[in-house]
Amino acid sequence: QVQLVESGGGLVQPGGSLRLSCTASGSIDSINGMGWYRQAQGKQRERVAGFTRFDTSDYAEFVKGRFTISRNNAKNTMYLQMNNRKPEDTAVYYCSASVREVGSTWYQQYWGQGTQVTVSS
């Protein structure tokens, strides 16, 4: 069974920084792509940033210049460095990955439980 676990959430003041981590574990054969999503209270879930299987990163317009995505393939871990945080960044942040399990011939999308990030003074 494949599992994704997020960590690093918490409270930060406006303008502050925070780094989130997402680690994939289990019977993983390969990971097609990984991405970060967020969902604020009363709003739809939206894509923040992510990697594709071509090692190409992409960012949502509302976080460009402030957030940076990175990864450690050896540890199956993805990071989201969030700088200059704004109150509107408050949301539950989710990690998602397209994973092919050992013995399988197809990819399946997995989601972590999410981590709460609050930006407030």
PDB file of N, CA and C in Angstrom:
ATOM      1  N   GLN A   1       0.834  -1.181   0.000  1.00  0.00           N
ATOM      2  CA  GLN A   1       0.000   0.000   0.000  1.00  0.00           C
ATOM      3  C   GLN A   1       0.881   1.247   0.000  1.00  0.00           C
ATOM      4  N   VAL A   2       0.526   2.190  -0.841  1.00  0.00           N
ATOM      5  CA  VAL A   2       1.269   3.442  -0.945  1.00  0.00           C
ATOM      6  C   VAL A   2       0.634   4.496  -0.047  1.00  0.00           C
ATOM      7  N   GLN A   3       1.479   5.226   0.649  1.00  0.00           N
ATOM      8  CA  GLN A   3       1.002   6.290   1.518  1.00  0.00           C
ATOM      9  C   GLN A   3       1.796   7.565   1.294  1.00  0.00           C
ATOM     10  N   LEU A   4       1.111   8.692   1.408  1.00  0.00           N
ATOM     11  CA  LEU A   4       1.739   9.995   1.321  1.00  0.00           C
ATOM     12  C   LEU A   4       1.517  10.702   2.644  1.00  0.00           C
ATOM     13  N   VAL A   5       2.577  11.233   3.208  1.00  0.00           N
ATOM     14  CA  VAL A   5       2.489  11.915   4.487  1.00  0.00           C
ATOM     15  C   VAL A   5       3.072  13.316   4.386  1.00  0.00           C
ATOM     16  N   GLU A   6       2.260  14.316   4.718  1.00  0.00           N
ATOM     17  CA  GLU A   6       2.710  15.698   4.709  1.00  0.00           C
ATOM     18  C   GLU A   6       3.148  16.111   6.112  1.00  0.00           C
ATOM     19  N   SER A   7       4.052  17.056   6.170  1.00  0.00           N
ATOM     20  CA  SER A   7       4.494  17.589   7.444  1.00  0.00           C
ATOM     21  C   SER A   7       4.996  19.015   7.241  1.00  0.00           C
ATOM     22  N   GLY A   8       5.106  19.752   8.322  1.00  0.00           N
ATOM     23  CA  GLY A   8       5.642  21.102   8.262  1.00  0.00           C
ATOM     24  C   GLY A   8       4.617  22.212   8.370  1.00  0.00           C
ATOM     25  N   GLY A   9       3.353  21.869   8.455  1.00  0.00           N
ATOM     26  CA  GLY A   9       2.326  22.887   8.567  1.00  0.00           C
ATOM     27  C   GLY A   9       2.353  23.548   9.930  1.00  0.00           C
ATOM     28  N   GLY A  10       1.660  24.665  10.020  1.00  0.00           N
ATOM     29  CA  GLY A  10       1.614  25.377  11.281  1.00  0.00           C
ATOM     30  C   GLY A  10       1.176  26.811  11.113  1.00  0.00           C
ATOM     31  N   LEU A  11       1.479  27.611  12.108  1.00  0.00           N
ATOM     32  CA  LEU A  11       1.113  29.021  12.113  1.00  0.00           C
ATOM     33  C   LEU A  11       2.318  29.887  11.773  1.00  0.00           C
ATOM     34  N   VAL A  12       2.098  30.839  10.885  1.00  0.00           N
ATOM     35  CA  VAL A  12       3.160  31.761  10.511  1.00  0.00           C
ATOM     36  C   VAL A  12       2.566  33.157  10.328  1.00  0.00           C
ATOM     37  N   GLN A  13       3.337  34.183  10.649  1.00  0.00           N
ATOM     38  CA  GLN A  13       2.874  35.556  10.482  1.00  0.00           C
ATOM     39  C   GLN A  13       2.961  35.983   9.021  1.00  0.00           C
ATOM     40  N   PRO A  14       2.169  36.965   8.624  1.00  0.00           N
ATOM     41  CA  PRO A  14       2.247  37.474   7.253  1.00  0.00           C
ATOM     42  C   PRO A  14       3.678  37.881   6.927  1.00  0.00           C
ATOM     43  N   GLY A  15       4.152  37.457   5.756  1.00  0.00           N
ATOM     44  CA  GLY A  15       5.511  37.765   5.357  1.00  0.00           C
ATOM     45  C   GLY A  15       6.511  36.712   5.786  1.00  0.00           C
ATOM     46  N   GLY A  16       6.078  35.787   6.616  1.00  0.00           N
ATOM     47  CA  GLY A  16       6.947  34.739   7.100  1.00  0.00           C
ATOM     48  C   GLY A  16       7.105  33.605   6.114  1.00  0.00           C
ATOM     49  N   SER A  17       7.917  32.627   6.498  1.00  0.00           N
ATOM     50  CA  SER A  17       8.204  31.493   5.627  1.00  0.00           C
ATOM     51  C   SER A  17       7.899  30.169   6.312  1.00  0.00           C
ATOM     52  N   LEU A  18       7.651  29.174   5.497  1.00  0.00           N
ATOM     53  CA  LEU A  18       7.350  27.839   5.994  1.00  0.00           C
ATOM     54  C   LEU A  18       7.691  26.837   4.902  1.00  0.00           C
ATOM     55  N   ARG A  19       8.184  25.676   5.287  1.00  0.00           N
ATOM     56  CA  ARG A  19       8.480  24.638   4.311  1.00  0.00           C
ATOM     57  C   ARG A  19       7.706  23.367   4.628  1.00  0.00           C
ATOM     58  N   LEU A  20       6.996  22.880   3.629  1.00  0.00           N
ATOM     59  CA  LEU A  20       6.233  21.655   3.758  1.00  0.00           C
ATOM     60  C   LEU A  20       6.982  20.499   3.120  1.00  0.00           C
ATOM     61  N   SER A  21       6.786  19.316   3.668  1.00  0.00           N
ATOM     62  CA  SER A  21       7.406  18.121   3.120  1.00  0.00           C
ATOM     63  C   SER A  21       6.340  17.071   2.854  1.00  0.00           C
ATOM     64  N   CYS A  22       6.573  16.282   1.837  1.00  0.00           N
ATOM     65  CA  CYS A  22       5.682  15.178   1.513  1.00  0.00           C
ATOM     66  C   CYS A  22       6.535  13.970   1.180  1.00  0.00           C
ATOM     67  N   THR A  23       6.329  12.904   1.902  1.00  0.00           N
ATOM     68  CA  THR A  23       7.098  11.689   1.683  1.00  0.00           C
ATOM     69  C   THR A  23       6.195  10.540   1.268  1.00  0.00           C
ATOM     70  N   ALA A  24       6.558   9.904   0.180  1.00  0.00           N
ATOM     71  CA  ALA A  24       5.814   8.748  -0.309  1.00  0.00           C
ATOM     72  C   ALA A  24       6.502   7.473   0.161  1.00  0.00           C
ATOM     73  N   SER A  25       5.721   6.528   0.616  1.00  0.00           N
ATOM     74  CA  SER A  25       6.279   5.269   1.095  1.00  0.00           C
ATOM     75  C   SER A  25       5.373   4.113   0.696  1.00  0.00           C
ATOM     76  N   GLY A  26       5.921   2.912   0.766  1.00  0.00           N
ATOM     77  CA  GLY A  26       5.169   1.735   0.402  1.00  0.00           C
ATOM     78  C   GLY A  26       5.827   0.987  -0.738  1.00  0.00           C
ATOM     79  N   SER A  27       5.070   0.130  -1.382  1.00  0.00           N
ATOM     80  CA  SER A  27       5.586  -0.677  -2.487  1.00  0.00           C
ATOM     81  C   SER A  27       5.568   0.135  -3.786  1.00  0.00           C
ATOM     82  N   ILE A  28       6.465   1.087  -3.862  1.00  0.00           N
ATOM     83  CA  ILE A  28       6.534   1.990  -5.007  1.00  0.00           C
ATOM     84  C   ILE A  28       7.498   1.494  -6.072  1.00  0.00           C
ATOM     85  N   ASP A  29       6.996   1.409  -7.290  1.00  0.00           N
ATOM     86  CA  ASP A  29       7.835   1.052  -8.428  1.00  0.00           C
ATOM     87  C   ASP A  29       8.376   2.327  -9.064  1.00  0.00           C
ATOM     88  N   SER A  30       7.492   3.280  -9.312  1.00  0.00           N
ATOM     89  CA  SER A  30       7.888   4.553  -9.882  1.00  0.00           C
ATOM     90  C   SER A  30       6.822   5.602  -9.596  1.00  0.00           C
ATOM     91  N   ILE A  31       7.245   6.857  -9.640  1.00  0.00           N
ATOM     92  CA  ILE A  31       6.337   7.979  -9.433  1.00  0.00           C
ATOM     93  C   ILE A  31       6.307   8.814 -10.703  1.00  0.00           C
ATOM     94  N   ASN A  32       5.142   8.957 -11.254  1.00  0.00           N
ATOM     95  CA  ASN A  32       4.995   9.701 -12.504  1.00  0.00           C
ATOM     96  C   ASN A  32       5.094  11.202 -12.277  1.00  0.00           C
ATOM     97  N   GLY A  33       4.518  11.657 -11.187  1.00  0.00           N
ATOM     98  CA  GLY A  33       4.546  13.070 -10.879  1.00  0.00           C
ATOM     99  C   GLY A  33       4.035  13.329  -9.471  1.00  0.00           C
ATOM    100  N   MET A  34       4.397  14.470  -8.935  1.00  0.00           N
ATOM    101  CA  MET A  34       3.952  14.853  -7.607  1.00  0.00           C
ATOM    102  C   MET A  34       3.574  16.327  -7.624  1.00  0.00           C
ATOM    103  N   GLY A  35       2.599  16.669  -6.808  1.00  0.00           N
ATOM    104  CA  GLY A  35       2.166  18.049  -6.779  1.00  0.00           C
ATOM    105  C   GLY A  35       1.568  18.458  -5.444  1.00  0.00           C
ATOM    106  N   TRP A  36       1.505  19.764  -5.235  1.00  0.00           N
ATOM    107  CA  TRP A  36       0.902  20.343  -4.046  1.00  0.00           C
ATOM    108  C   TRP A  36      -0.399  21.029  -4.409  1.00  0.00           C
ATOM    109  N   TYR A  37      -1.404  20.807  -3.589  1.00  0.00           N
ATOM    110  CA  TYR A  37      -2.704  21.434  -3.749  1.00  0.00           C
ATOM    111  C   TYR A  37      -3.093  22.062  -2.419  1.00  0.00           C
ATOM    112  N   ARG A  38      -4.030  22.965  -2.466  1.00  0.00           N
ATOM    113  CA  ARG A  38      -4.513  23.558  -1.228  1.00  0.00           C
ATOM    114  C   ARG A  38      -5.997  23.837  -1.327  1.00  0.00           C
ATOM    115  N   GLN A  39      -6.636  23.857  -0.178  1.00  0.00           N
ATOM    116  CA  GLN A  39      -8.056  24.134  -0.130  1.00  0.00           C
ATOM    117  C   GLN A  39      -8.346  25.005   1.086  1.00  0.00           C
ATOM    118  N   ALA A  40      -8.765  26.221   0.821  1.00  0.00           N
ATOM    119  CA  ALA A  40      -9.137  27.139   1.885  1.00  0.00           C
ATOM    120  C   ALA A  40     -10.592  26.898   2.264  1.00  0.00           C
ATOM    121  N   GLN A  41     -10.957  27.291   3.456  1.00  0.00           N
ATOM    122  CA  GLN A  41     -12.321  27.100   3.929  1.00  0.00           C
ATOM    123  C   GLN A  41     -13.313  27.802   3.014  1.00  0.00           C
ATOM    124  N   GLY A  42     -14.284  27.045   2.533  1.00  0.00           N
ATOM    125  CA  GLY A  42     -15.298  27.609   1.673  1.00  0.00           C
ATOM    126  C   GLY A  42     -14.892  27.781   0.225  1.00  0.00           C
ATOM    127  N   LYS A  43     -13.706  27.307  -0.138  1.00  0.00           N
ATOM    128  CA  LYS A  43     -13.229  27.440  -1.502  1.00  0.00           C
ATOM    129  C   LYS A  43     -12.892  26.077  -2.102  1.00  0.00           C
ATOM    130  N   GLN A  44     -12.729  26.061  -3.413  1.00  0.00           N
ATOM    131  CA  GLN A  44     -12.384  24.833  -4.107  1.00  0.00           C
ATOM    132  C   GLN A  44     -10.900  24.515  -3.951  1.00  0.00           C
ATOM    133  N   ARG A  45     -10.589  23.239  -4.070  1.00  0.00           N
ATOM    134  CA  ARG A  45      -9.198  22.832  -4.019  1.00  0.00           C
ATOM    135  C   ARG A  45      -8.507  23.302  -5.298  1.00  0.00           C
ATOM    136  N   GLU A  46      -7.306  23.831  -5.164  1.00  0.00           N
ATOM    137  CA  GLU A  46      -6.574  24.336  -6.308  1.00  0.00           C
ATOM    138  C   GLU A  46      -5.134  23.842  -6.310  1.00  0.00           C
ATOM    139  N   ARG A  47      -4.577  23.736  -7.485  1.00  0.00           N
ATOM    140  CA  ARG A  47      -3.209  23.291  -7.635  1.00  0.00           C
ATOM    141  C   ARG A  47      -2.250  24.431  -7.333  1.00  0.00           C
ATOM    142  N   VAL A  48      -1.255  24.143  -6.523  1.00  0.00           N
ATOM    143  CA  VAL A  48      -0.273  25.148  -6.136  1.00  0.00           C
ATOM    144  C   VAL A  48       0.986  25.032  -6.994  1.00  0.00           C
ATOM    145  N   ALA A  49       1.550  23.841  -7.045  1.00  0.00           N
ATOM    146  CA  ALA A  49       2.768  23.593  -7.808  1.00  0.00           C
ATOM    147  C   ALA A  49       2.986  22.098  -7.910  1.00  0.00           C
ATOM    148  N   GLY A  50       3.823  21.687  -8.852  1.00  0.00           N
ATOM    149  CA  GLY A  50       4.096  20.273  -8.979  1.00  0.00           C
ATOM    150  C   GLY A  50       5.157  19.933 -10.008  1.00  0.00           C
ATOM    151  N   PHE A  51       5.525  18.669 -10.034  1.00  0.00           N
ATOM    152  CA  PHE A  51       6.480  18.126 -10.999  1.00  0.00           C
ATOM    153  C   PHE A  51       5.777  17.132 -11.896  1.00  0.00           C
ATOM    154  N   THR A  52       6.227  17.058 -13.133  1.00  0.00           N
ATOM    155  CA  THR A  52       5.727  16.056 -14.059  1.00  0.00           C
ATOM    156  C   THR A  52       6.785  14.974 -14.208  1.00  0.00           C
ATOM    157  N   ARG A  53       6.478  13.931 -14.953  1.00  0.00           N
ATOM    158  CA  ARG A  53       7.436  12.855 -15.158  1.00  0.00           C
ATOM    159  C   ARG A  53       8.600  13.291 -16.026  1.00  0.00           C
ATOM    160  N   PHE A  54       8.488  14.460 -16.632  1.00  0.00           N
ATOM    161  CA  PHE A  54       9.559  15.018 -17.453  1.00  0.00           C
ATOM    162  C   PHE A  54      10.438  15.964 -16.636  1.00  0.00           C
ATOM    163  N   ASP A  55      10.268  15.943 -15.323  1.00  0.00           N
ATOM    164  CA  ASP A  55      11.036  16.772 -14.402  1.00  0.00           C
ATOM    165  C   ASP A  55      10.805  18.259 -14.634  1.00  0.00           C
ATOM    166  N   THR A  56       9.626  18.582 -15.079  1.00  0.00           N
ATOM    167  CA  THR A  56       9.254  19.970 -15.302  1.00  0.00           C
ATOM    168  C   THR A  56       8.359  20.453 -14.164  1.00  0.00           C
ATOM    169  N   SER A  57       8.716  21.577 -13.606  1.00  0.00           N
ATOM    170  CA  SER A  57       7.922  22.137 -12.518  1.00  0.00           C
ATOM    171  C   SER A  57       6.992  23.217 -13.037  1.00  0.00           C
ATOM    172  N   ASP A  58       5.883  23.383 -12.358  1.00  0.00           N
ATOM    173  CA  ASP A  58       4.954  24.424 -12.733  1.00  0.00           C
ATOM    174  C   ASP A  58       4.360  25.030 -11.471  1.00  0.00           C
ATOM    175  N   TYR A  59       3.954  26.290 -11.574  1.00  0.00           N
ATOM    176  CA  TYR A  59       3.415  27.013 -10.431  1.00  0.00           C
ATOM    177  C   TYR A  59       2.131  27.724 -10.798  1.00  0.00           C
ATOM    178  N   ALA A  60       1.248  27.811  -9.841  1.00  0.00           N
ATOM    179  CA  ALA A  60       0.044  28.595 -10.030  1.00  0.00           C
ATOM    180  C   ALA A  60       0.440  30.067 -10.041  1.00  0.00           C
ATOM    181  N   GLU A  61      -0.289  30.868 -10.780  1.00  0.00           N
ATOM    182  CA  GLU A  61       0.042  32.268 -10.918  1.00  0.00           C
ATOM    183  C   GLU A  61       0.074  33.000  -9.574  1.00  0.00           C
ATOM    184  N   PHE A  62      -0.789  32.616  -8.677  1.00  0.00           N
ATOM    185  CA  PHE A  62      -0.883  33.327  -7.406  1.00  0.00           C
ATOM    186  C   PHE A  62       0.256  33.045  -6.436  1.00  0.00           C
ATOM    187  N   VAL A  63       1.154  32.111  -6.765  1.00  0.00           N
ATOM    188  CA  VAL A  63       2.288  31.825  -5.881  1.00  0.00           C
ATOM    189  C   VAL A  63       3.641  32.034  -6.553  1.00  0.00           C
ATOM    190  N   LYS A  64       3.642  32.370  -7.817  1.00  0.00           N
ATOM    191  CA  LYS A  64       4.895  32.576  -8.538  1.00  0.00           C
ATOM    192  C   LYS A  64       5.711  33.688  -7.885  1.00  0.00           C
ATOM    193  N   GLY A  65       6.994  33.403  -7.678  1.00  0.00           N
ATOM    194  CA  GLY A  65       7.875  34.369  -7.059  1.00  0.00           C
ATOM    195  C   GLY A  65       7.913  34.269  -5.552  1.00  0.00           C
ATOM    196  N   ARG A  66       7.021  33.485  -4.970  1.00  0.00           N
ATOM    197  CA  ARG A  66       6.967  33.348  -3.519  1.00  0.00           C
ATOM    198  C   ARG A  66       7.206  31.909  -3.061  1.00  0.00           C
ATOM    199  N   PHE A  67       6.681  30.958  -3.812  1.00  0.00           N
ATOM    200  CA  PHE A  67       6.819  29.549  -3.448  1.00  0.00           C
ATOM    201  C   PHE A  67       7.814  28.854  -4.370  1.00  0.00           C
ATOM    202  N   THR A  68       8.525  27.877  -3.826  1.00  0.00           N
ATOM    203  CA  THR A  68       9.479  27.102  -4.606  1.00  0.00           C
ATOM    204  C   THR A  68       9.304  25.619  -4.302  1.00  0.00           C
ATOM    205  N   ILE A  69       9.199  24.826  -5.350  1.00  0.00           N
ATOM    206  CA  ILE A  69       9.051  23.394  -5.184  1.00  0.00           C
ATOM    207  C   ILE A  69      10.388  22.697  -5.443  1.00  0.00           C
ATOM    208  N   SER A  70      10.677  21.673  -4.682  1.00  0.00           N
ATOM    209  CA  SER A  70      11.911  20.918  -4.845  1.00  0.00           C
ATOM    210  C   SER A  70      11.656  19.464  -4.470  1.00  0.00           C
ATOM    211  N   ARG A  71      12.651  18.624  -4.674  1.00  0.00           N
ATOM    212  CA  ARG A  71      12.465  17.206  -4.404  1.00  0.00           C
ATOM    213  C   ARG A  71      13.768  16.506  -4.072  1.00  0.00           C
ATOM    214  N   ASN A  72      13.634  15.374  -3.411  1.00  0.00           N
ATOM    215  CA  ASN A  72      14.746  14.484  -3.113  1.00  0.00           C
ATOM    216  C   ASN A  72      14.283  13.106  -3.570  1.00  0.00           C
ATOM    217  N   ASN A  73      14.672  12.742  -4.777  1.00  0.00           N
ATOM    218  CA  ASN A  73      14.215  11.485  -5.357  1.00  0.00           C
ATOM    219  C   ASN A  73      14.633  10.255  -4.551  1.00  0.00           C
ATOM    220  N   ALA A  74      15.808  10.300  -3.967  1.00  0.00           N
ATOM    221  CA  ALA A  74      16.299   9.167  -3.187  1.00  0.00           C
ATOM    222  C   ALA A  74      15.399   8.875  -1.988  1.00  0.00           C
ATOM    223  N   LYS A  75      14.756   9.903  -1.484  1.00  0.00           N
ATOM    224  CA  LYS A  75      13.879   9.748  -0.321  1.00  0.00           C
ATOM    225  C   LYS A  75      12.403   9.795  -0.689  1.00  0.00           C
ATOM    226  N   ASN A  76      12.117   9.900  -1.992  1.00  0.00           N
ATOM    227  CA  ASN A  76      10.736  10.025  -2.463  1.00  0.00           C
ATOM    228  C   ASN A  76      10.023  11.148  -1.719  1.00  0.00           C
ATOM    229  N   THR A  77      10.723  12.251  -1.586  1.00  0.00           N
ATOM    230  CA  THR A  77      10.206  13.385  -0.843  1.00  0.00           C
ATOM    231  C   THR A  77      10.141  14.644  -1.698  1.00  0.00           C
ATOM    232  N   MET A  78       9.065  15.388  -1.530  1.00  0.00           N
ATOM    233  CA  MET A  78       8.873  16.642  -2.236  1.00  0.00           C
ATOM    234  C   MET A  78       8.693  17.750  -1.213  1.00  0.00           C
ATOM    235  N   TYR A  79       9.223  18.919  -1.520  1.00  0.00           N
ATOM    236  CA  TYR A  79       9.146  20.046  -0.609  1.00  0.00           C
ATOM    237  C   TYR A  79       8.464  21.241  -1.255  1.00  0.00           C
ATOM    238  N   LEU A  80       7.875  22.056  -0.422  1.00  0.00           N
ATOM    239  CA  LEU A  80       7.285  23.303  -0.883  1.00  0.00           C
ATOM    240  C   LEU A  80       7.761  24.396   0.055  1.00  0.00           C
ATOM    241  N   GLN A  81       8.675  25.226  -0.426  1.00  0.00           N
ATOM    242  CA  GLN A  81       9.173  26.359   0.342  1.00  0.00           C
ATOM    243  C   GLN A  81       8.260  27.540   0.083  1.00  0.00           C
ATOM    244  N   MET A  82       7.675  28.061   1.135  1.00  0.00           N
ATOM    245  CA  MET A  82       6.720  29.142   1.010  1.00  0.00           C
ATOM    246  C   MET A  82       7.246  30.394   1.703  1.00  0.00           C
ATOM    247  N   ASN A  83       7.549  31.403   0.911  1.00  0.00           N
ATOM    248  CA  ASN A  83       8.052  32.666   1.431  1.00  0.00           C
ATOM    249  C   ASN A  83       7.024  33.774   1.241  1.00  0.00           C
ATOM    250  N   ASN A  84       7.212  34.848   1.983  1.00  0.00           N
ATOM    251  CA  ASN A  84       6.321  36.004   1.876  1.00  0.00           C
ATOM    252  C   ASN A  84       4.856  35.599   1.926  1.00  0.00           C
ATOM    253  N   ARG A  85       4.546  34.819   2.921  1.00  0.00           N
ATOM    254  CA  ARG A  85       3.192  34.308   3.018  1.00  0.00           C
ATOM    255  C   ARG A  85       2.171  35.403   3.311  1.00  0.00           C
ATOM    256  N   LYS A  86       1.000  35.219   2.720  1.00  0.00           N
ATOM    257  CA  LYS A  86      -0.104  36.152   2.862  1.00  0.00           C
ATOM    258  C   LYS A  86      -1.272  35.473   3.566  1.00  0.00           C
ATOM    259  N   PRO A  87      -2.145  36.255   4.187  1.00  0.00           N
ATOM    260  CA  PRO A  87      -3.307  35.666   4.873  1.00  0.00           C
ATOM    261  C   PRO A  87      -4.133  34.768   3.957  1.00  0.00           C
ATOM    262  N   GLU A  88      -4.217  35.117   2.682  1.00  0.00           N
ATOM    263  CA  GLU A  88      -4.983  34.317   1.749  1.00  0.00           C
ATOM    264  C   GLU A  88      -4.344  32.970   1.433  1.00  0.00           C
ATOM    265  N   ASP A  89      -3.125  32.750   1.921  1.00  0.00           N
ATOM    266  CA  ASP A  89      -2.461  31.462   1.749  1.00  0.00           C
ATOM    267  C   ASP A  89      -2.937  30.450   2.783  1.00  0.00           C
ATOM    268  N   THR A  90      -3.720  30.900   3.734  1.00  0.00           N
ATOM    269  CA  THR A  90      -4.251  30.013   4.759  1.00  0.00           C
ATOM    270  C   THR A  90      -5.125  28.944   4.117  1.00  0.00           C
ATOM    271  N   ALA A  91      -4.787  27.692   4.361  1.00  0.00           N
ATOM    272  CA  ALA A  91      -5.515  26.584   3.762  1.00  0.00           C
ATOM    273  C   ALA A  91      -4.949  25.263   4.255  1.00  0.00           C
ATOM    274  N   VAL A  92      -5.633  24.198   3.907  1.00  0.00           N
ATOM    275  CA  VAL A  92      -5.093  22.869   4.142  1.00  0.00           C
ATOM    276  C   VAL A  92      -4.328  22.509   2.881  1.00  0.00           C
ATOM    277  N   TYR A  93      -3.072  22.165   3.032  1.00  0.00           N
ATOM    278  CA  TYR A  93      -2.235  21.829   1.897  1.00  0.00           C
ATOM    279  C   TYR A  93      -2.113  20.320   1.763  1.00  0.00           C
ATOM    280  N   TYR A  94      -2.365  19.840   0.558  1.00  0.00           N
ATOM    281  CA  TYR A  94      -2.343  18.415   0.283  1.00  0.00           C
ATOM    282  C   TYR A  94      -1.245  18.040  -0.692  1.00  0.00           C
ATOM    283  N   CYS A  95      -0.673  16.890  -0.468  1.00  0.00           N
ATOM    284  CA  CYS A  95       0.311  16.328  -1.377  1.00  0.00           C
ATOM    285  C   CYS A  95      -0.383  15.266  -2.212  1.00  0.00           C
ATOM    286  N   SER A  96      -0.074  15.236  -3.492  1.00  0.00           N
ATOM    287  CA  SER A  96      -0.644  14.234  -4.378  1.00  0.00           C
ATOM    288  C   SER A  96       0.446  13.678  -5.282  1.00  0.00           C
ATOM    289  N   ALA A  97       0.342  12.394  -5.591  1.00  0.00           N
ATOM    290  CA  ALA A  97       1.332  11.768  -6.457  1.00  0.00           C
ATOM    291  C   ALA A  97       0.689  10.691  -7.308  1.00  0.00           C
ATOM    292  N   SER A  98       1.194  10.577  -8.526  1.00  0.00           N
ATOM    293  CA  SER A  98       0.770   9.513  -9.425  1.00  0.00           C
ATOM    294  C   SER A  98       1.805   8.416  -9.286  1.00  0.00           C
ATOM    295  N   VAL A  99       1.392   7.298  -8.720  1.00  0.00           N
ATOM    296  CA  VAL A  99       2.323   6.235  -8.363  1.00  0.00           C
ATOM    297  C   VAL A  99       1.984   4.903  -9.017  1.00  0.00           C
ATOM    298  N   ARG A 100       3.007   4.208  -9.482  1.00  0.00           N
ATOM    299  CA  ARG A 100       2.846   2.851  -9.984  1.00  0.00           C
ATOM    300  C   ARG A 100       3.427   1.922  -8.942  1.00  0.00           C
ATOM    301  N   GLU A 101       2.599   1.069  -8.395  1.00  0.00           N
ATOM    302  CA  GLU A 101       3.036   0.132  -7.379  1.00  0.00           C
ATOM    303  C   GLU A 101       3.800  -1.032  -7.987  1.00  0.00           C
ATOM    304  N   VAL A 102       4.590  -1.680  -7.168  1.00  0.00           N
ATOM    305  CA  VAL A 102       5.329  -2.862  -7.601  1.00  0.00           C
ATOM    306  C   VAL A 102       4.335  -3.933  -8.043  1.00  0.00           C
ATOM    307  N   GLY A 103       4.545  -4.468  -9.231  1.00  0.00           N
ATOM    308  CA  GLY A 103       3.670  -5.499  -9.743  1.00  0.00           C
ATOM    309  C   GLY A 103       2.501  -4.974 -10.549  1.00  0.00           C
ATOM    310  N   SER A 104       2.369  -3.669 -10.633  1.00  0.00           N
ATOM    311  CA  SER A 104       1.282  -3.054 -11.382  1.00  0.00           C
ATOM    312  C   SER A 104       1.808  -2.470 -12.695  1.00  0.00           C
ATOM    313  N   THR A 105       0.909  -2.332 -13.660  1.00  0.00           N
ATOM    314  CA  THR A 105       1.291  -1.774 -14.955  1.00  0.00           C
ATOM    315  C   THR A 105       0.683  -0.405 -15.207  1.00  0.00           C
ATOM    316  N   TRP A 106      -0.012   0.115 -14.213  1.00  0.00           N
ATOM    317  CA  TRP A 106      -0.660   1.405 -14.378  1.00  0.00           C
ATOM    318  C   TRP A 106      -0.439   2.303 -13.169  1.00  0.00           C
ATOM    319  N   TYR A 107      -0.618   3.593 -13.381  1.00  0.00           N
ATOM    320  CA  TYR A 107      -0.449   4.579 -12.329  1.00  0.00           C
ATOM    321  C   TYR A 107      -1.776   4.909 -11.670  1.00  0.00           C
ATOM    322  N   GLN A 108      -1.690   5.239 -10.394  1.00  0.00           N
ATOM    323  CA  GLN A 108      -2.857   5.622  -9.627  1.00  0.00           C
ATOM    324  C   GLN A 108      -2.523   6.852  -8.789  1.00  0.00           C
ATOM    325  N   GLN A 109      -3.467   7.752  -8.696  1.00  0.00           N
ATOM    326  CA  GLN A 109      -3.237   8.966  -7.924  1.00  0.00           C
ATOM    327  C   GLN A 109      -3.522   8.735  -6.444  1.00  0.00           C
ATOM    328  N   TYR A 110      -2.600   9.185  -5.608  1.00  0.00           N
ATOM    329  CA  TYR A 110      -2.745   9.077  -4.164  1.00  0.00           C
ATOM    330  C   TYR A 110      -2.723  10.469  -3.548  1.00  0.00           C
ATOM    331  N   TRP A 111      -3.384  10.587  -2.406  1.00  0.00           N
ATOM    332  CA  TRP A 111      -3.457  11.852  -1.698  1.00  0.00           C
ATOM    333  C   TRP A 111      -3.046  11.679  -0.245  1.00  0.00           C
ATOM    334  N   GLY A 112      -2.382  12.695   0.284  1.00  0.00           N
ATOM    335  CA  GLY A 112      -2.035  12.682   1.686  1.00  0.00           C
ATOM    336  C   GLY A 112      -3.212  13.187   2.495  1.00  0.00           C
ATOM    337  N   GLN A 113      -3.082  13.187   3.807  1.00  0.00           N
ATOM    338  CA  GLN A 113      -4.155  13.627   4.691  1.00  0.00           C
ATOM    339  C   GLN A 113      -4.273  15.145   4.764  1.00  0.00           C
ATOM    340  N   GLY A 114      -3.228  15.839   4.361  1.00  0.00           N
ATOM    341  CA  GLY A 114      -3.243  17.287   4.382  1.00  0.00           C
ATOM    342  C   GLY A 114      -2.631  17.848   5.652  1.00  0.00           C
ATOM    343  N   THR A 115      -2.110  19.049   5.557  1.00  0.00           N
ATOM    344  CA  THR A 115      -1.546  19.723   6.716  1.00  0.00           C
ATOM    345  C   THR A 115      -2.038  21.169   6.730  1.00  0.00           C
ATOM    346  N   GLN A 116      -2.479  21.617   7.881  1.00  0.00           N
ATOM    347  CA  GLN A 116      -3.041  22.954   8.013  1.00  0.00           C
ATOM    348  C   GLN A 116      -1.946  24.006   8.076  1.00  0.00           C
ATOM    349  N   VAL A 117      -2.101  25.036   7.262  1.00  0.00           N
ATOM    350  CA  VAL A 117      -1.192  26.178   7.274  1.00  0.00           C
ATOM    351  C   VAL A 117      -2.025  27.427   7.518  1.00  0.00           C
ATOM    352  N   THR A 118      -1.688  28.148   8.560  1.00  0.00           N
ATOM    353  CA  THR A 118      -2.426  29.353   8.910  1.00  0.00           C
ATOM    354  C   THR A 118      -1.501  30.563   8.903  1.00  0.00           C
ATOM    355  N   VAL A 119      -1.904  31.585   8.181  1.00  0.00           N
ATOM    356  CA  VAL A 119      -1.133  32.826   8.114  1.00  0.00           C
ATOM    357  C   VAL A 119      -1.930  33.901   8.840  1.00  0.00           C
ATOM    358  N   SER A 120      -1.445  34.301   9.989  1.00  0.00           N
ATOM    359  CA  SER A 120      -2.158  35.274  10.805  1.00  0.00           C
ATOM    360  C   SER A 120      -1.202  35.954  11.772  1.00  0.00           C
ATOM    361  N   SER A 121      -1.514  37.197  12.102  1.00  0.00           N
ATOM    362  CA  SER A 121      -0.724  37.943  13.076  1.00  0.00           C
ATOM    363  C   SER A 121      -1.366  37.903  14.448  1.00  0.00           C
TER     364      SER A 121
END
